[in-house]
C-alpha cells in the first residue's frame, strides 16, 4: 500500500492512503536515506509504501520504502551538531510567520530560513502576523522589513487572525497546494490556521510573560486536509534555525540579490568579503543591498551557529 505521512511522533507515523484510509505505521529496523544524516528518517509529507500486519486484533502498518522527495526543509538538530532534522517534505510553499514583538523575530532567523528554502527551491511567503496589535512604531518596522524583502522578490502579507485581515488572500494562495506554516513559538501559527479553517480547532497557548516567547503548543509536525482543497503542515515553533549541508562558495547563491550581481564580481569564486571589485560590496556601499541581509550572510558564512540559538530570547 502507498500513502502520505500526515504525522510523525518519532516511533509511529500516521499514514493516509489516496482512498482516505488512515493507518498507524512504524518502521522496521534501521532506515537510512541516501546522503542524509537525519534524526528522523521519515518526515511529514513523505510518500511511503507499507504492508499491513495484525497484532491482538489491531491492524497497523510497517513502512518499507520511502519515495524520492521533490524537496524538504531541513535544519540542524538542536542537540546533535552533526545531525539534521527534516521538518517536512514535498512542500509546494512555506508561509513564514513573523512578529515584530511578542515574540520578536530577528532578521538573522528570517534569512537563515530563506536561504534553506532557496536551496531546495521552495517558494516562501512572509506573513507579518498580529498586525492588529502594533502601534505606529512597530507598523513602521513591518513596512520597512516588507520593503526589504519585497525588493528581493519575496511576497509579504500583513495578516491578523483576530480581525481577519488578508486571511482570504492567504487562503487563495493555499488552494490546491501543500503549504507549511513555520516560525517561532508564539508567533500565532495555530491561531492563524484556526482562522483559516475554524473546524480544525488547533490548540493555542498564551505567550509566556517571563520571556515574551511562545510556549510550544504543537509538539510534532502534522498535516491537515482543509475544506477548500488545500493541505497544511503545522510545525512546532522553531527557536533557532541552523543552516546545513552548504559550501561557503554556494551560500551567496541563495541570497537572490547577491546572485544577481555575482557575474559582475571580478572573481567568479568571490565570497563578497575582502575581495577587490566585488559587486555585492559595492551595492552594499550604495545602499542597494540591506545591511541586515549582508550581516546574516556573513554569520552563515563564518558558521556562527551560536547566533541562531542565542539571539532569540535565550542567554
C-alpha atoms as a PDB file:
ATOM      1  CA  UNK A   1       0.000   0.000   0.000  1.00  0.00           C
ATOM      2  CA  UNK A   2       1.088   3.572  -0.617  1.00  0.00           C
ATOM      3  CA  UNK A   3       0.250   6.655   1.419  1.00  0.00           C
ATOM      4  CA  UNK A   4       1.383  10.054   2.657  1.00  0.00           C
ATOM      5  CA  UNK A   5       2.767  10.627   6.150  1.00  0.00           C
ATOM      6  CA  UNK A   6       0.437  13.035   7.976  1.00  0.00           C
ATOM      7  CA  UNK A   7       2.021  12.883  11.427  1.00  0.00           C
ATOM      8  CA  UNK A   8       5.270  11.651  12.935  1.00  0.00           C
ATOM      9  CA  UNK A   9       5.728  11.128  16.664  1.00  0.00           C
ATOM     10  CA  UNK A  10       9.186   9.636  16.445  1.00  0.00           C
ATOM     11  CA  UNK A  11       8.236   5.974  16.617  1.00  0.00           C
ATOM     12  CA  UNK A  12       4.791   5.875  14.986  1.00  0.00           C
ATOM     13  CA  UNK A  13       3.644   7.513  11.777  1.00  0.00           C
ATOM     14  CA  UNK A  14       0.084   8.367  10.742  1.00  0.00           C
ATOM     15  CA  UNK A  15      -0.195   7.440   7.057  1.00  0.00           C
ATOM     16  CA  UNK A  16      -3.150   8.253   4.810  1.00  0.00           C
ATOM     17  CA  UNK A  17      -3.777   6.440   1.518  1.00  0.00           C
ATOM     18  CA  UNK A  18      -5.157   8.060  -1.648  1.00  0.00           C
ATOM     19  CA  UNK A  19      -8.517   6.484  -0.840  1.00  0.00           C
ATOM     20  CA  UNK A  20      -8.555   8.229   2.552  1.00  0.00           C
ATOM     21  CA  UNK A  21      -7.849   5.233   4.788  1.00  0.00           C
ATOM     22  CA  UNK A  22      -5.634   6.083   7.784  1.00  0.00           C
ATOM     23  CA  UNK A  23      -3.154   3.660   9.367  1.00  0.00           C
ATOM     24  CA  UNK A  24      -0.700   3.880  12.244  1.00  0.00           C
ATOM     25  CA  UNK A  25       2.626   2.682  10.894  1.00  0.00           C
ATOM     26  CA  UNK A  26       6.119   2.021  12.185  1.00  0.00           C
ATOM     27  CA  UNK A  27       9.452   1.356  10.547  1.00  0.00           C
ATOM     28  CA  UNK A  28      11.215  -1.949  10.852  1.00  0.00           C
ATOM     29  CA  UNK A  29      14.857  -1.887  11.942  1.00  0.00           C
ATOM     30  CA  UNK A  30      17.336   0.681  10.632  1.00  0.00           C
ATOM     31  CA  UNK A  31      16.043   3.007   7.966  1.00  0.00           C
ATOM     32  CA  UNK A  32      18.732   5.056   6.245  1.00  0.00           C
ATOM     33  CA  UNK A  33      18.283   7.583   3.468  1.00  0.00           C
ATOM     34  CA  UNK A  34      20.954   8.196   0.887  1.00  0.00           C
ATOM     35  CA  UNK A  35      23.266  11.076   1.717  1.00  0.00           C
ATOM     36  CA  UNK A  36      21.370  12.488   4.683  1.00  0.00           C
ATOM     37  CA  UNK A  37      22.238  12.022   8.338  1.00  0.00           C
ATOM     38  CA  UNK A  38      18.897  12.751   9.889  1.00  0.00           C
ATOM     39  CA  UNK A  39      17.449  12.328  13.360  1.00  0.00           C
ATOM     40  CA  UNK A  40      14.138  11.450  11.700  1.00  0.00           C
ATOM     41  CA  UNK A  41      14.346   9.083   8.724  1.00  0.00           C
ATOM     42  CA  UNK A  42      10.734   9.758   7.737  1.00  0.00           C
ATOM     43  CA  UNK A  43       9.074  13.203   7.775  1.00  0.00           C
ATOM     44  CA  UNK A  44       5.568  14.571   7.391  1.00  0.00           C
ATOM     45  CA  UNK A  45       4.806  14.884   3.673  1.00  0.00           C
ATOM     46  CA  UNK A  46       6.792  11.793   2.707  1.00  0.00           C
ATOM     47  CA  UNK A  47       5.147   9.284   0.354  1.00  0.00           C
ATOM     48  CA  UNK A  48       5.775   5.750   1.633  1.00  0.00           C
ATOM     49  CA  UNK A  49       4.988   2.139   0.829  1.00  0.00           C
ATOM     50  CA  UNK A  50       3.829  -0.061   3.705  1.00  0.00           C
ATOM     51  CA  UNK A  51       2.480  -3.513   4.467  1.00  0.00           C
ATOM     52  CA  UNK A  52      -0.340  -4.257   6.892  1.00  0.00           C
ATOM     53  CA  UNK A  53       0.035  -6.574   9.872  1.00  0.00           C
ATOM     54  CA  UNK A  54      -2.364  -7.643  12.615  1.00  0.00           C
ATOM     55  CA  UNK A  55      -1.415  -7.918  16.292  1.00  0.00           C
ATOM     56  CA  UNK A  56      -4.031  -8.565  19.002  1.00  0.00           C
ATOM     57  CA  UNK A  57      -6.821  -7.752  16.551  1.00  0.00           C
ATOM     58  CA  UNK A  58      -5.208  -4.361  15.800  1.00  0.00           C
ATOM     59  CA  UNK A  59      -4.230  -3.585  12.203  1.00  0.00           C
ATOM     60  CA  UNK A  60      -1.066  -1.477  11.815  1.00  0.00           C
ATOM     61  CA  UNK A  61       1.404  -0.879   9.015  1.00  0.00           C
ATOM     62  CA  UNK A  62       5.126  -1.455   8.537  1.00  0.00           C
ATOM     63  CA  UNK A  63       6.848   1.093   6.283  1.00  0.00           C
ATOM     64  CA  UNK A  64       9.380  -0.497   3.923  1.00  0.00           C
ATOM     65  CA  UNK A  65      10.029   2.168   1.251  1.00  0.00           C
ATOM     66  CA  UNK A  66      10.192   5.949   1.094  1.00  0.00           C
ATOM     67  CA  UNK A  67       9.622   7.546  -2.309  1.00  0.00           C
ATOM     68  CA  UNK A  68      12.067  10.177  -3.589  1.00  0.00           C
ATOM     69  CA  UNK A  69      11.341  13.633  -2.165  1.00  0.00           C
ATOM     70  CA  UNK A  70      10.767  16.577  -4.509  1.00  0.00           C
ATOM     71  CA  UNK A  71      12.110  18.841  -1.755  1.00  0.00           C
ATOM     72  CA  UNK A  72      12.301  19.215   2.010  1.00  0.00           C
ATOM     73  CA  UNK A  73      13.018  21.781   4.719  1.00  0.00           C
ATOM     74  CA  UNK A  74      15.935  20.735   6.896  1.00  0.00           C
ATOM     75  CA  UNK A  75      17.758  22.327   9.810  1.00  0.00           C
ATOM     76  CA  UNK A  76      20.449  21.387  12.293  1.00  0.00           C
ATOM     77  CA  UNK A  77      19.259  19.102  15.025  1.00  0.00           C
ATOM     78  CA  UNK A  78      19.088  21.071  18.265  1.00  0.00           C
ATOM     79  CA  UNK A  79      21.007  18.535  20.350  1.00  0.00           C
ATOM     80  CA  UNK A  80      23.246  16.771  17.828  1.00  0.00           C
ATOM     81  CA  UNK A  81      25.504  19.146  15.910  1.00  0.00           C
ATOM     82  CA  UNK A  82      26.374  16.715  13.112  1.00  0.00           C
ATOM     83  CA  UNK A  83      22.786  15.590  12.619  1.00  0.00           C
ATOM     84  CA  UNK A  84      19.971  17.204  10.712  1.00  0.00           C
ATOM     85  CA  UNK A  85      16.233  17.296  11.322  1.00  0.00           C
ATOM     86  CA  UNK A  86      13.868  17.198   8.363  1.00  0.00           C
ATOM     87  CA  UNK A  87      10.877  19.359   9.288  1.00  0.00           C
ATOM     88  CA  UNK A  88       8.667  18.384   6.324  1.00  0.00           C
ATOM     89  CA  UNK A  89       8.935  17.219   2.723  1.00  0.00           C
ATOM     90  CA  UNK A  90       7.202  17.514  -0.682  1.00  0.00           C
ATOM     91  CA  UNK A  91       6.020  21.053   0.010  1.00  0.00           C
ATOM     92  CA  UNK A  92       4.621  23.500  -2.570  1.00  0.00           C
ATOM     93  CA  UNK A  93       5.222  26.572  -0.428  1.00  0.00           C
ATOM     94  CA  UNK A  94       6.092  27.789   3.050  1.00  0.00           C
ATOM     95  CA  UNK A  95       4.436  30.596   4.977  1.00  0.00           C
ATOM     96  CA  UNK A  96       6.983  32.010   7.421  1.00  0.00           C
ATOM     97  CA  UNK A  97       5.175  33.837  10.226  1.00  0.00           C
ATOM     98  CA  UNK A  98       6.924  36.910  11.575  1.00  0.00           C
ATOM     99  CA  UNK A  99       6.096  39.080  14.587  1.00  0.00           C
ATOM    100  CA  UNK A 100       7.934  42.280  15.475  1.00  0.00           C
ATOM    101  CA  UNK A 101       7.483  41.781  19.210  1.00  0.00           C
ATOM    102  CA  UNK A 102       5.622  39.401  21.483  1.00  0.00           C
ATOM    103  CA  UNK A 103       7.772  37.456  20.477  1.00  0.00           C
ATOM    104  CA  UNK A 104      10.380  39.228  18.304  1.00  0.00           C
ATOM    105  CA  UNK A 105      11.503  37.598  15.046  1.00  0.00           C
ATOM    106  CA  UNK A 106      15.072  38.572  14.167  1.00  0.00           C
ATOM    107  CA  UNK A 107      16.231  39.105  10.596  1.00  0.00           C
ATOM    108  CA  UNK A 108      19.036  36.547  11.097  1.00  0.00           C
ATOM    109  CA  UNK A 109      16.375  33.876  11.672  1.00  0.00           C
ATOM    110  CA  UNK A 110      14.317  35.005   8.651  1.00  0.00           C
ATOM    111  CA  UNK A 111      17.399  34.968   6.413  1.00  0.00           C
ATOM    112  CA  UNK A 112      18.576  31.531   7.575  1.00  0.00           C
ATOM    113  CA  UNK A 113      15.148  30.136   6.841  1.00  0.00           C
ATOM    114  CA  UNK A 114      15.008  31.797   3.410  1.00  0.00           C
ATOM    115  CA  UNK A 115      18.476  30.501   2.493  1.00  0.00           C
ATOM    116  CA  UNK A 116      17.330  26.943   3.230  1.00  0.00           C
ATOM    117  CA  UNK A 117      14.066  27.316   1.270  1.00  0.00           C
ATOM    118  CA  UNK A 118      16.010  28.831  -1.669  1.00  0.00           C
ATOM    119  CA  UNK A 119      18.467  25.922  -1.588  1.00  0.00           C
ATOM    120  CA  UNK A 120      15.584  23.465  -2.018  1.00  0.00           C
ATOM    121  CA  UNK A 121      13.602  25.691  -4.438  1.00  0.00           C
ATOM    122  CA  UNK A 122      10.618  26.104  -2.120  1.00  0.00           C
ATOM    123  CA  UNK A 123       8.581  29.273  -2.521  1.00  0.00           C
ATOM    124  CA  UNK A 124       8.360  31.197   0.764  1.00  0.00           C
ATOM    125  CA  UNK A 125       5.756  33.850   1.602  1.00  0.00           C
ATOM    126  CA  UNK A 126       6.410  36.127   4.587  1.00  0.00           C
ATOM    127  CA  UNK A 127       3.345  36.655   6.786  1.00  0.00           C
ATOM    128  CA  UNK A 128       3.634  39.579   9.200  1.00  0.00           C
ATOM    129  CA  UNK A 129       1.197  38.363  11.834  1.00  0.00           C
ATOM    130  CA  UNK A 130      -0.663  40.120  14.700  1.00  0.00           C
ATOM    131  CA  UNK A 131      -0.844  43.275  12.574  1.00  0.00           C
ATOM    132  CA  UNK A 132      -3.819  44.419  14.685  1.00  0.00           C
ATOM    133  CA  UNK A 133      -1.648  44.680  17.842  1.00  0.00           C
ATOM    134  CA  UNK A 134       1.017  47.060  16.516  1.00  0.00           C
ATOM    135  CA  UNK A 135       1.476  50.743  17.282  1.00  0.00           C
ATOM    136  CA  UNK A 136       2.849  53.318  14.847  1.00  0.00           C
ATOM    137  CA  UNK A 137       6.494  52.441  15.585  1.00  0.00           C
ATOM    138  CA  UNK A 138       6.107  48.682  15.124  1.00  0.00           C
ATOM    139  CA  UNK A 139       3.962  49.204  11.997  1.00  0.00           C
ATOM    140  CA  UNK A 140       6.794  51.270  10.547  1.00  0.00           C
ATOM    141  CA  UNK A 141       9.136  48.369  11.277  1.00  0.00           C
ATOM    142  CA  UNK A 142       6.784  45.977   9.454  1.00  0.00           C
ATOM    143  CA  UNK A 143       6.681  48.346   6.466  1.00  0.00           C
ATOM    144  CA  UNK A 144      10.470  48.609   6.418  1.00  0.00           C
ATOM    145  CA  UNK A 145      11.015  44.826   6.602  1.00  0.00           C
ATOM    146  CA  UNK A 146       8.338  44.202   3.972  1.00  0.00           C
ATOM    147  CA  UNK A 147      10.117  46.725   1.727  1.00  0.00           C
ATOM    148  CA  UNK A 148      13.474  44.950   2.228  1.00  0.00           C
ATOM    149  CA  UNK A 149      12.091  41.522   1.325  1.00  0.00           C
ATOM    150  CA  UNK A 150       9.706  42.642  -1.457  1.00  0.00           C
ATOM    151  CA  UNK A 151      12.648  44.351  -3.165  1.00  0.00           C
ATOM    152  CA  UNK A 152      14.408  40.955  -3.258  1.00  0.00           C
ATOM    153  CA  UNK A 153      11.287  39.301  -4.695  1.00  0.00           C
ATOM    154  CA  UNK A 154       9.529  37.771  -1.689  1.00  0.00           C
ATOM    155  CA  UNK A 155       5.783  38.151  -1.264  1.00  0.00           C
ATOM    156  CA  UNK A 156       4.946  39.850   2.056  1.00  0.00           C
ATOM    157  CA  UNK A 157       1.451  39.978   3.554  1.00  0.00           C
ATOM    158  CA  UNK A 158       0.248  41.616   6.766  1.00  0.00           C
ATOM    159  CA  UNK A 159      -2.286  39.345   8.492  1.00  0.00           C
ATOM    160  CA  UNK A 160      -4.415  39.188  11.614  1.00  0.00           C
ATOM    161  CA  UNK A 161      -6.231  36.127  12.889  1.00  0.00           C
ATOM    162  CA  UNK A 162      -8.275  38.428  15.176  1.00  0.00           C
ATOM    163  CA  UNK A 163      -9.595  40.892  12.581  1.00  0.00           C
ATOM    164  CA  UNK A 164      -9.380  38.508   9.627  1.00  0.00           C
ATOM    165  CA  UNK A 165      -7.148  40.890   7.669  1.00  0.00           C
ATOM    166  CA  UNK A 166      -5.886  39.229   4.459  1.00  0.00           C
ATOM    167  CA  UNK A 167      -6.998  35.739   5.552  1.00  0.00           C
ATOM    168  CA  UNK A 168      -8.801  35.342   2.206  1.00  0.00           C
ATOM    169  CA  UNK A 169      -5.614  36.289   0.354  1.00  0.00           C
ATOM    170  CA  UNK A 170      -3.683  33.567   2.210  1.00  0.00           C
ATOM    171  CA  UNK A 171      -6.442  31.003   1.532  1.00  0.00           C
ATOM    172  CA  UNK A 172      -6.304  31.810  -2.187  1.00  0.00           C
ATOM    173  CA  UNK A 173      -2.532  31.193  -2.227  1.00  0.00           C
ATOM    174  CA  UNK A 174      -3.036  27.896  -0.374  1.00  0.00           C
ATOM    175  CA  UNK A 175      -5.757  26.420  -2.624  1.00  0.00           C
ATOM    176  CA  UNK A 176      -4.742  23.114  -4.261  1.00  0.00           C
ATOM    177  CA  UNK A 177      -1.271  23.268  -2.674  1.00  0.00           C
ATOM    178  CA  UNK A 178       0.634  21.697   0.234  1.00  0.00           C
ATOM    179  CA  UNK A 179       1.656  24.596   2.475  1.00  0.00           C
ATOM    180  CA  UNK A 180       3.876  24.504   5.536  1.00  0.00           C
ATOM    181  CA  UNK A 181       3.461  27.077   8.310  1.00  0.00           C
ATOM    182  CA  UNK A 182       6.645  27.889  10.224  1.00  0.00           C
ATOM    183  CA  UNK A 183       8.010  30.415  12.713  1.00  0.00           C
ATOM    184  CA  UNK A 184       8.990  30.889  16.339  1.00  0.00           C
ATOM    185  CA  UNK A 185       6.800  29.589  19.157  1.00  0.00           C
ATOM    186  CA  UNK A 186       4.188  32.225  19.928  1.00  0.00           C
ATOM    187  CA  UNK A 187       4.003  33.919  16.519  1.00  0.00           C
ATOM    188  CA  UNK A 188       0.437  32.655  16.190  1.00  0.00           C
ATOM    189  CA  UNK A 189       0.687  29.772  13.731  1.00  0.00           C
ATOM    190  CA  UNK A 190      -2.069  27.672  15.290  1.00  0.00           C
ATOM    191  CA  UNK A 191      -4.323  30.711  15.829  1.00  0.00           C
ATOM    192  CA  UNK A 192      -3.913  31.697  12.190  1.00  0.00           C
ATOM    193  CA  UNK A 193      -4.622  28.146  10.995  1.00  0.00           C
ATOM    194  CA  UNK A 194      -7.776  28.185  13.133  1.00  0.00           C
ATOM    195  CA  UNK A 195      -8.819  31.456  11.458  1.00  0.00           C
ATOM    196  CA  UNK A 196      -8.250  29.867   8.045  1.00  0.00           C
ATOM    197  CA  UNK A 197     -10.093  26.640   8.982  1.00  0.00           C
ATOM    198  CA  UNK A 198     -12.059  27.012  12.258  1.00  0.00           C
ATOM    199  CA  UNK A 199     -13.158  23.336  12.223  1.00  0.00           C
ATOM    200  CA  UNK A 200      -9.561  22.243  12.921  1.00  0.00           C
ATOM    201  CA  UNK A 201      -9.608  23.892  16.354  1.00  0.00           C
ATOM    202  CA  UNK A 202      -5.839  23.559  16.927  1.00  0.00           C
ATOM    203  CA  UNK A 203      -4.639  24.151  20.477  1.00  0.00           C
ATOM    204  CA  UNK A 204      -3.227  27.585  21.285  1.00  0.00           C
ATOM    205  CA  UNK A 205      -1.439  28.948  24.341  1.00  0.00           C
ATOM    206  CA  UNK A 206      -0.739  32.403  25.687  1.00  0.00           C
ATOM    207  CA  UNK A 207       2.693  33.991  25.333  1.00  0.00           C
ATOM    208  CA  UNK A 208       4.946  33.303  28.310  1.00  0.00           C
ATOM    209  CA  UNK A 209       5.164  36.601  30.213  1.00  0.00           C
ATOM    210  CA  UNK A 210       8.579  35.801  31.667  1.00  0.00           C
ATOM    211  CA  UNK A 211      10.448  35.735  28.360  1.00  0.00           C
ATOM    212  CA  UNK A 212       7.920  37.187  25.878  1.00  0.00           C
ATOM    213  CA  UNK A 213       8.245  33.946  23.986  1.00  0.00           C
ATOM    214  CA  UNK A 214       5.746  31.393  22.912  1.00  0.00           C
ATOM    215  CA  UNK A 215       5.062  28.120  24.603  1.00  0.00           C
ATOM    216  CA  UNK A 216       5.074  25.039  22.414  1.00  0.00           C
ATOM    217  CA  UNK A 217       1.522  24.037  21.515  1.00  0.00           C
ATOM    218  CA  UNK A 218       2.468  21.912  18.509  1.00  0.00           C
ATOM    219  CA  UNK A 219       4.935  19.223  19.555  1.00  0.00           C
ATOM    220  CA  UNK A 220       5.061  17.325  16.254  1.00  0.00           C
ATOM    221  CA  UNK A 221       4.644  18.410  12.650  1.00  0.00           C
ATOM    222  CA  UNK A 222       1.232  17.391  11.338  1.00  0.00           C
ATOM    223  CA  UNK A 223      -0.570  17.661   8.005  1.00  0.00           C
ATOM    224  CA  UNK A 224      -4.254  18.533   7.729  1.00  0.00           C
ATOM    225  CA  UNK A 225      -6.680  18.413   4.784  1.00  0.00           C
ATOM    226  CA  UNK A 226      -8.632  21.660   4.546  1.00  0.00           C
ATOM    227  CA  UNK A 227     -12.165  22.164   3.238  1.00  0.00           C
ATOM    228  CA  UNK A 228     -11.123  24.392   0.306  1.00  0.00           C
ATOM    229  CA  UNK A 229      -8.815  21.892  -1.387  1.00  0.00           C
ATOM    230  CA  UNK A 230      -5.606  22.775   0.465  1.00  0.00           C
ATOM    231  CA  UNK A 231      -3.247  20.805   2.671  1.00  0.00           C
ATOM    232  CA  UNK A 232      -1.403  22.430   5.536  1.00  0.00           C
ATOM    233  CA  UNK A 233       1.568  21.242   7.578  1.00  0.00           C
ATOM    234  CA  UNK A 234       1.582  22.831  11.030  1.00  0.00           C
ATOM    235  CA  UNK A 235       5.032  22.663  12.646  1.00  0.00           C
ATOM    236  CA  UNK A 236       6.412  23.106  16.179  1.00  0.00           C
ATOM    237  CA  UNK A 237       7.800  26.544  16.977  1.00  0.00           C
ATOM    238  CA  UNK A 238      11.438  26.874  15.945  1.00  0.00           C
ATOM    239  CA  UNK A 239      13.732  28.784  18.323  1.00  0.00           C
ATOM    240  CA  UNK A 240      16.756  28.760  16.031  1.00  0.00           C
ATOM    241  CA  UNK A 241      17.485  27.685  12.518  1.00  0.00           C
ATOM    242  CA  UNK A 242      20.873  26.144  11.754  1.00  0.00           C
ATOM    243  CA  UNK A 243      21.826  26.000   8.082  1.00  0.00           C
ATOM    244  CA  UNK A 244      23.258  22.646   6.973  1.00  0.00           C
ATOM    245  CA  UNK A 245      24.936  20.954   4.016  1.00  0.00           C
ATOM    246  CA  UNK A 246      26.135  24.157   2.339  1.00  0.00           C
ATOM    247  CA  UNK A 247      29.570  25.012   0.960  1.00  0.00           C
ATOM    248  CA  UNK A 248      30.837  28.553   1.592  1.00  0.00           C
ATOM    249  CA  UNK A 249      31.015  29.212  -2.151  1.00  0.00           C
ATOM    250  CA  UNK A 250      27.315  28.486  -2.644  1.00  0.00           C
ATOM    251  CA  UNK A 251      25.795  30.415   0.307  1.00  0.00           C
ATOM    252  CA  UNK A 252      25.680  33.676  -1.684  1.00  0.00           C
ATOM    253  CA  UNK A 253      23.745  31.938  -4.469  1.00  0.00           C
ATOM    254  CA  UNK A 254      20.802  31.526  -2.073  1.00  0.00           C
ATOM    255  CA  UNK A 255      20.630  35.276  -1.457  1.00  0.00           C
ATOM    256  CA  UNK A 256      18.814  36.226  -4.712  1.00  0.00           C
ATOM    257  CA  UNK A 257      20.028  39.848  -4.644  1.00  0.00           C
ATOM    258  CA  UNK A 258      23.652  38.649  -4.307  1.00  0.00           C
ATOM    259  CA  UNK A 259      23.243  36.027  -7.029  1.00  0.00           C
ATOM    260  CA  UNK A 260      22.041  38.692  -9.495  1.00  0.00           C
ATOM    261  CA  UNK A 261      25.300  40.599  -9.047  1.00  0.00           C
ATOM    262  CA  UNK A 262      27.615  37.589  -8.999  1.00  0.00           C
ATOM    263  CA  UNK A 263      28.667  37.910 -12.664  1.00  0.00           C
ATOM    264  CA  UNK A 264      29.814  41.497 -12.056  1.00  0.00           C
ATOM    265  CA  UNK A 265      32.354  40.488  -9.386  1.00  0.00           C
ATOM    266  CA  UNK A 266      35.990  40.400 -10.547  1.00  0.00           C
ATOM    267  CA  UNK A 267      36.454  36.841  -9.280  1.00  0.00           C
ATOM    268  CA  UNK A 268      33.967  34.106 -10.146  1.00  0.00           C
ATOM    269  CA  UNK A 269      34.516  32.492  -6.725  1.00  0.00           C
ATOM    270  CA  UNK A 270      34.105  35.800  -4.864  1.00  0.00           C
ATOM    271  CA  UNK A 271      32.870  35.372  -1.274  1.00  0.00           C
ATOM    272  CA  UNK A 272      31.887  39.067  -1.113  1.00  0.00           C
ATOM    273  CA  UNK A 273      34.175  39.750   1.835  1.00  0.00           C
ATOM    274  CA  UNK A 274      37.613  41.327   1.275  1.00  0.00           C
ATOM    275  CA  UNK A 275      37.956  40.609  -2.453  1.00  0.00           C
ATOM    276  CA  UNK A 276      38.648  43.591  -4.756  1.00  0.00           C
ATOM    277  CA  UNK A 277      35.988  44.802  -7.227  1.00  0.00           C
ATOM    278  CA  UNK A 278      33.157  42.924  -5.540  1.00  0.00           C
ATOM    279  CA  UNK A 279      29.774  43.950  -6.969  1.00  0.00           C
ATOM    280  CA  UNK A 280      27.938  42.873  -3.800  1.00  0.00           C
ATOM    281  CA  UNK A 281      30.137  45.037  -1.546  1.00  0.00           C
ATOM    282  CA  UNK A 282      29.687  47.967  -3.984  1.00  0.00           C
ATOM    283  CA  UNK A 283      25.897  47.508  -3.854  1.00  0.00           C
ATOM    284  CA  UNK A 284      26.067  47.400  -0.043  1.00  0.00           C
ATOM    285  CA  UNK A 285      28.023  50.691  -0.005  1.00  0.00           C
ATOM    286  CA  UNK A 286      25.375  52.230  -2.276  1.00  0.00           C
ATOM    287  CA  UNK A 287      22.503  51.045  -0.024  1.00  0.00           C
ATOM    288  CA  UNK A 288      21.214  48.794  -2.802  1.00  0.00           C
ATOM    289  CA  UNK A 289      21.539  45.744  -0.537  1.00  0.00           C
ATOM    290  CA  UNK A 290      20.217  45.629   3.013  1.00  0.00           C
ATOM    291  CA  UNK A 291      22.918  45.629   5.704  1.00  0.00           C
ATOM    292  CA  UNK A 292      20.918  43.141   7.817  1.00  0.00           C
ATOM    293  CA  UNK A 293      20.937  40.696   4.896  1.00  0.00           C
ATOM    294  CA  UNK A 294      24.692  41.081   4.420  1.00  0.00           C
ATOM    295  CA  UNK A 295      25.262  40.566   8.160  1.00  0.00           C
ATOM    296  CA  UNK A 296      23.166  37.376   8.047  1.00  0.00           C
ATOM    297  CA  UNK A 297      25.233  36.216   5.086  1.00  0.00           C
ATOM    298  CA  UNK A 298      28.498  36.719   6.980  1.00  0.00           C
ATOM    299  CA  UNK A 299      27.133  34.871  10.027  1.00  0.00           C
ATOM    300  CA  UNK A 300      26.172  31.855   7.899  1.00  0.00           C
ATOM    301  CA  UNK A 301      29.460  32.005   6.003  1.00  0.00           C
ATOM    302  CA  UNK A 302      31.508  32.074   9.176  1.00  0.00           C
ATOM    303  CA  UNK A 303      29.473  29.296  10.766  1.00  0.00           C
ATOM    304  CA  UNK A 304      28.409  31.409  13.730  1.00  0.00           C
ATOM    305  CA  UNK A 305      25.820  28.911  14.782  1.00  0.00           C
ATOM    306  CA  UNK A 306      25.654  30.231  18.302  1.00  0.00           C
ATOM    307  CA  UNK A 307      23.824  33.280  16.934  1.00  0.00           C
ATOM    308  CA  UNK A 308      20.895  31.275  15.660  1.00  0.00           C
ATOM    309  CA  UNK A 309      20.328  29.928  19.165  1.00  0.00           C
ATOM    310  CA  UNK A 310      21.131  32.932  21.332  1.00  0.00           C
ATOM    311  CA  UNK A 311      19.601  35.894  19.610  1.00  0.00           C
ATOM    312  CA  UNK A 312      16.078  34.568  20.184  1.00  0.00           C
ATOM    313  CA  UNK A 313      15.471  35.382  23.835  1.00  0.00           C
ATOM    314  CA  UNK A 314      17.958  32.821  25.165  1.00  0.00           C
ATOM    315  CA  UNK A 315      21.029  33.922  27.089  1.00  0.00           C
END
